[in-house]
Amino acid sequence: MKWMQSENEVYYPDFANSTLMGTYLTKKEEEFINFILEKEHLNNSLLLDIGGGSGRFAIPLHLKGRKVVVLDSSANALSSLKNKQSDLPTIRGNGEKLPFKSGTFDIIFVIETIEYIADKEDFLRDCHKMLKEEGILIVTILNRLSYKMLHPNRRKRPEFYWTTYNKFKGLLALAGFDTKKAFGFNWIPANRSSNNSLIPYFAMIEDLLRLKYLPFISPWVIISARKSS
């Protein structure tokens, strides 16, 4: 991964994820993950959370009895996770060099992480190898076909909004995946650390307008894809 936090820093995402905006983002991603897990009846599955940080998704799943392994390059993130849930398996490692045998996992999460991967095509192929037959990949992307690309800060970081939903579906197909489901989110005009009191109302409007069904133009998209046989 390109990005790695200093081991001496406080793990900032724990704060950012606790804000109103961070809570909204987590809720949207968590709803999709739970929907896929229930839909696929993956009750006794082995899950890998790449870039799982301090366990934002892994800990709730672990507490429900799911078998989850968290891989992250940040010692601070994994230390924060262990402080919260000491018995959850973790591996400190780079997402570009997955230290697992082929066909190990039933499902892999790559939530808000692929933007930090240098060789994304190779990474997707590695995820394909690590999954069992018919395994599921859940991944988020930042969509270039979004109104948020108009913001000056977005134009300064084009590597984050590096693809579109259709182009990414093509990359998934090249890596051996069939895209199954995609929801759009993060239409709210606020950054992750925002505690703006209007955020819950924006979230309600987003739900009422059913904007999740517009992944082609959504600022962020969460996608599930199945490993092709």
Protein backbone atom coordinates (compact mmCIF):
# COMPACT_ATOMS: atom_id res chain seq x y z
CA MET A 1 0.00 0.00 0.00
CA LYS A 2 1.15 3.55 -0.66
CA TRP A 3 -0.06 4.89 2.64
CA MET A 4 1.18 3.83 6.05
CA GLN A 5 0.59 5.72 9.30
CA SER A 6 3.44 6.34 11.72
CA GLU A 7 3.41 3.98 14.69
CA ASN A 8 3.69 6.99 17.02
CA GLU A 9 0.47 8.61 15.80
CA VAL A 10 -2.91 8.26 17.43
CA TYR A 11 -5.06 6.15 15.14
CA TYR A 12 -7.06 8.97 13.57
CA PRO A 13 -9.76 6.83 11.86
CA ASP A 14 -11.12 5.86 15.29
CA PHE A 15 -12.03 9.51 15.77
CA ALA A 16 -13.19 10.10 12.20
CA ASN A 17 -15.44 7.05 12.27
CA SER A 18 -17.11 8.28 15.46
CA THR A 19 -18.39 11.52 13.90
CA LEU A 20 -21.86 11.90 12.40
CA MET A 21 -20.41 11.58 8.90
CA GLY A 22 -18.18 8.65 9.85
CA THR A 23 -21.13 6.91 11.49
CA TYR A 24 -23.23 7.42 8.37
CA LEU A 25 -20.51 5.92 6.12
CA THR A 26 -20.01 2.94 8.40
CA LYS A 27 -23.76 2.30 8.52
CA LYS A 28 -24.04 2.26 4.72
CA GLU A 29 -21.08 -0.09 4.31
CA GLU A 30 -22.16 -2.33 7.18
CA GLU A 31 -25.71 -2.61 5.81
CA PHE A 32 -24.36 -3.80 2.46
CA ILE A 33 -21.96 -6.31 4.04
CA ASN A 34 -24.70 -7.78 6.23
CA PHE A 35 -27.10 -7.91 3.27
CA ILE A 36 -24.60 -9.94 1.21
CA LEU A 37 -23.73 -12.26 4.10
CA GLU A 38 -27.39 -13.02 4.73
CA LYS A 39 -28.24 -13.34 1.04
CA GLU A 40 -25.40 -15.78 0.41
CA HIS A 41 -26.05 -17.77 3.61
CA LEU A 42 -22.35 -17.63 4.52
CA ASN A 43 -22.86 -18.73 8.12
CA ASN A 44 -19.69 -20.80 8.63
CA SER A 45 -17.47 -18.84 6.27
CA LEU A 46 -13.94 -17.51 6.76
CA LEU A 47 -13.68 -13.77 6.12
CA LEU A 48 -10.65 -11.59 5.38
CA ASP A 49 -10.85 -7.84 6.02
CA ILE A 50 -8.02 -6.20 4.03
CA GLY A 51 -7.16 -2.77 5.42
CA GLY A 52 -9.53 -3.56 8.27
CA GLY A 53 -7.96 -0.97 10.57
CA SER A 54 -9.12 -1.14 14.16
CA GLY A 55 -11.97 -3.53 13.45
CA ARG A 56 -14.79 -1.25 12.34
CA PHE A 57 -16.47 -4.16 10.53
CA ALA A 58 -14.55 -7.15 11.86
CA ILE A 59 -15.40 -6.68 15.55
CA PRO A 60 -19.21 -6.61 15.10
CA LEU A 61 -18.99 -9.66 12.83
CA HIS A 62 -16.68 -11.44 15.28
CA LEU A 63 -19.13 -10.77 18.12
CA LYS A 64 -21.86 -12.38 16.01
CA GLY A 65 -19.75 -15.53 15.76
CA ARG A 66 -18.23 -14.91 12.32
CA LYS A 67 -14.69 -16.09 11.62
CA VAL A 68 -12.79 -12.97 10.61
CA VAL A 69 -9.09 -12.23 10.01
CA VAL A 70 -7.95 -8.59 9.80
CA LEU A 71 -4.98 -7.60 7.66
CA ASP A 72 -3.58 -4.08 8.00
CA SER A 73 -0.22 -2.39 7.55
CA SER A 74 -0.65 -0.06 10.55
CA ALA A 75 0.59 -1.22 13.95
CA ASN A 76 -1.51 1.53 15.55
CA ALA A 77 -4.66 0.26 13.89
CA LEU A 78 -4.09 -3.31 15.01
CA SER A 79 -3.13 -2.17 18.51
CA SER A 80 -6.39 -0.23 18.72
CA LEU A 81 -8.27 -3.31 17.54
CA LYS A 82 -6.59 -5.57 20.13
CA ASN A 83 -7.46 -3.09 22.87
CA LYS A 84 -11.10 -3.44 21.88
CA GLN A 85 -11.18 -7.16 20.97
CA SER A 86 -8.08 -9.09 21.98
CA ASP A 87 -9.16 -12.49 20.61
CA LEU A 88 -9.77 -11.36 17.02
CA PRO A 89 -7.05 -12.72 14.66
CA THR A 90 -4.91 -10.02 13.06
CA ILE A 91 -1.97 -9.93 10.69
CA ARG A 92 0.23 -6.93 10.10
CA GLY A 93 0.93 -6.97 6.40
CA ASN A 94 0.78 -5.18 3.09
CA GLY A 95 -2.34 -5.66 1.00
CA GLU A 96 -0.19 -5.91 -2.11
CA LYS A 97 1.48 -9.08 -0.80
CA LEU A 98 -1.25 -11.26 0.60
CA PRO A 99 0.36 -13.90 2.86
CA PHE A 100 -2.23 -16.64 2.36
CA LYS A 101 -2.62 -19.84 0.37
CA SER A 102 -4.91 -19.97 -2.63
CA GLY A 103 -8.53 -20.78 -1.86
CA THR A 104 -8.35 -19.79 1.81
CA PHE A 105 -11.32 -17.44 2.23
CA ASP A 106 -15.03 -17.48 1.46
CA ILE A 107 -15.30 -13.70 1.40
CA ILE A 108 -12.87 -10.76 1.24
CA PHE A 109 -13.64 -7.17 2.24
CA VAL A 110 -11.69 -4.28 0.73
CA ILE A 111 -13.45 -1.28 2.24
CA GLU A 112 -12.00 2.19 1.54
CA THR A 113 -8.66 0.56 0.83
CA ILE A 114 -8.11 -0.12 -2.87
CA GLU A 115 -7.21 3.55 -3.49
CA TYR A 116 -3.99 2.94 -1.55
CA ILE A 117 -2.99 -0.09 -3.63
CA ALA A 118 -0.41 0.68 -6.32
CA ASP A 119 -1.10 -2.22 -8.72
CA LYS A 120 -4.85 -2.60 -8.49
CA GLU A 121 -5.19 -5.16 -11.30
CA ASP A 122 -2.63 -7.46 -9.70
CA PHE A 123 -4.29 -6.98 -6.32
CA LEU A 124 -7.68 -8.06 -7.69
CA ARG A 125 -6.07 -11.15 -9.23
CA ASP A 126 -4.54 -11.98 -5.85
CA CYS A 127 -7.94 -11.61 -4.18
CA HIS A 128 -9.32 -14.01 -6.79
CA LYS A 129 -6.64 -16.57 -5.88
CA MET A 130 -7.21 -16.22 -2.13
CA LEU A 131 -10.95 -16.88 -2.49
CA LYS A 132 -12.52 -20.32 -2.56
CA GLU A 133 -14.64 -21.32 -5.54
CA GLU A 134 -17.74 -19.11 -5.73
CA GLY A 135 -16.12 -16.81 -3.13
CA ILE A 136 -17.28 -13.22 -2.74
CA LEU A 137 -15.31 -9.97 -2.94
CA ILE A 138 -16.82 -6.81 -1.41
CA VAL A 139 -15.01 -3.63 -2.40
CA THR A 140 -15.62 0.11 -2.34
CA ILE A 141 -14.54 2.58 -5.02
CA LEU A 142 -14.63 6.34 -5.37
CA ASN A 143 -16.42 7.18 -8.60
CA ARG A 144 -14.99 9.73 -11.04
CA LEU A 145 -18.49 10.26 -12.48
CA SER A 146 -19.65 12.13 -9.40
CA TYR A 147 -20.46 15.72 -8.48
CA LYS A 148 -17.79 15.49 -5.76
CA MET A 149 -15.11 15.55 -8.46
CA LEU A 150 -16.00 19.23 -8.93
CA HIS A 151 -14.53 20.07 -5.51
CA PRO A 152 -10.98 21.53 -5.72
CA ASN A 153 -9.68 19.10 -3.09
CA ARG A 154 -10.80 16.15 -5.22
CA ARG A 155 -8.94 17.46 -8.24
CA LYS A 156 -5.79 17.62 -6.09
CA ARG A 157 -6.10 13.90 -5.30
CA PRO A 158 -7.09 12.33 -8.63
CA GLU A 159 -5.54 9.00 -7.64
CA PHE A 160 -8.43 8.47 -5.20
CA TYR A 161 -11.13 9.01 -7.82
CA TRP A 162 -9.17 6.88 -10.28
CA THR A 163 -11.99 4.92 -11.89
CA THR A 164 -15.67 4.79 -12.75
CA TYR A 165 -18.16 2.11 -11.86
CA ASN A 166 -18.26 0.70 -15.40
CA LYS A 167 -14.46 0.70 -15.75
CA PHE A 168 -14.08 -1.04 -12.41
CA LYS A 169 -16.59 -3.69 -13.43
CA GLY A 170 -14.30 -4.30 -16.41
CA LEU A 171 -11.29 -4.71 -14.12
CA LEU A 172 -13.22 -7.16 -11.98
CA ALA A 173 -14.12 -9.19 -15.07
CA LEU A 174 -10.49 -9.28 -16.18
CA ALA A 175 -9.52 -10.56 -12.73
CA GLY A 176 -12.11 -13.34 -12.95
CA PHE A 177 -15.09 -11.84 -11.09
CA ASP A 178 -18.76 -11.46 -11.96
CA THR A 179 -20.24 -8.27 -10.50
CA LYS A 180 -23.43 -9.14 -8.61
CA LYS A 181 -24.60 -6.11 -6.65
CA ALA A 182 -23.67 -2.45 -6.32
CA PHE A 183 -25.04 0.35 -4.13
CA GLY A 184 -24.10 4.02 -4.29
CA PHE A 185 -23.60 6.22 -1.23
CA ASN A 186 -21.77 9.25 0.24
CA TRP A 187 -23.90 11.85 -1.53
CA ILE A 188 -23.72 14.05 1.57
CA PRO A 189 -21.62 17.22 1.00
CA ALA A 190 -19.39 16.80 4.06
CA ASN A 191 -16.02 15.28 4.94
CA ARG A 192 -15.57 12.27 7.17
CA SER A 193 -14.68 14.25 10.30
CA SER A 194 -17.83 16.40 10.09
CA ASN A 195 -20.35 16.54 12.92
CA ASN A 196 -22.70 18.84 11.05
CA SER A 197 -26.16 18.46 12.56
CA LEU A 198 -27.72 18.33 9.08
CA ILE A 199 -26.00 15.04 8.19
CA PRO A 200 -28.84 12.80 9.48
CA TYR A 201 -31.32 14.81 7.39
CA PHE A 202 -29.15 14.51 4.28
CA ALA A 203 -28.94 10.77 4.93
CA MET A 204 -32.72 10.57 5.20
CA ILE A 205 -33.14 12.43 1.89
CA GLU A 206 -30.61 10.11 0.26
CA ASP A 207 -32.68 7.13 1.39
CA LEU A 208 -35.99 8.68 0.33
CA LEU A 209 -34.65 9.41 -3.15
CA ARG A 210 -33.25 5.85 -3.35
CA LEU A 211 -29.92 7.20 -4.55
CA LYS A 212 -28.20 3.93 -3.68
CA TYR A 213 -29.66 2.56 -6.91
CA LEU A 214 -27.59 5.02 -8.96
CA PRO A 215 -24.08 3.52 -8.66
CA PHE A 216 -23.07 4.93 -12.06
CA ILE A 217 -23.05 8.51 -10.71
CA SER A 218 -22.78 7.94 -6.96
CA PRO A 219 -19.72 9.50 -5.26
CA TRP A 220 -18.84 6.16 -3.64
CA VAL A 221 -19.92 2.68 -4.67
CA ILE A 222 -19.83 -0.57 -2.72
CA ILE A 223 -19.77 -3.68 -4.90
CA SER A 224 -20.07 -7.42 -4.41
CA ALA A 225 -18.52 -9.71 -7.02
CA ARG A 226 -18.39 -13.49 -7.22
CA LYS A 227 -15.31 -15.49 -8.20
CA SER A 228 -16.01 -17.06 -11.58
CA SER A 229 -15.71 -20.83 -11.84
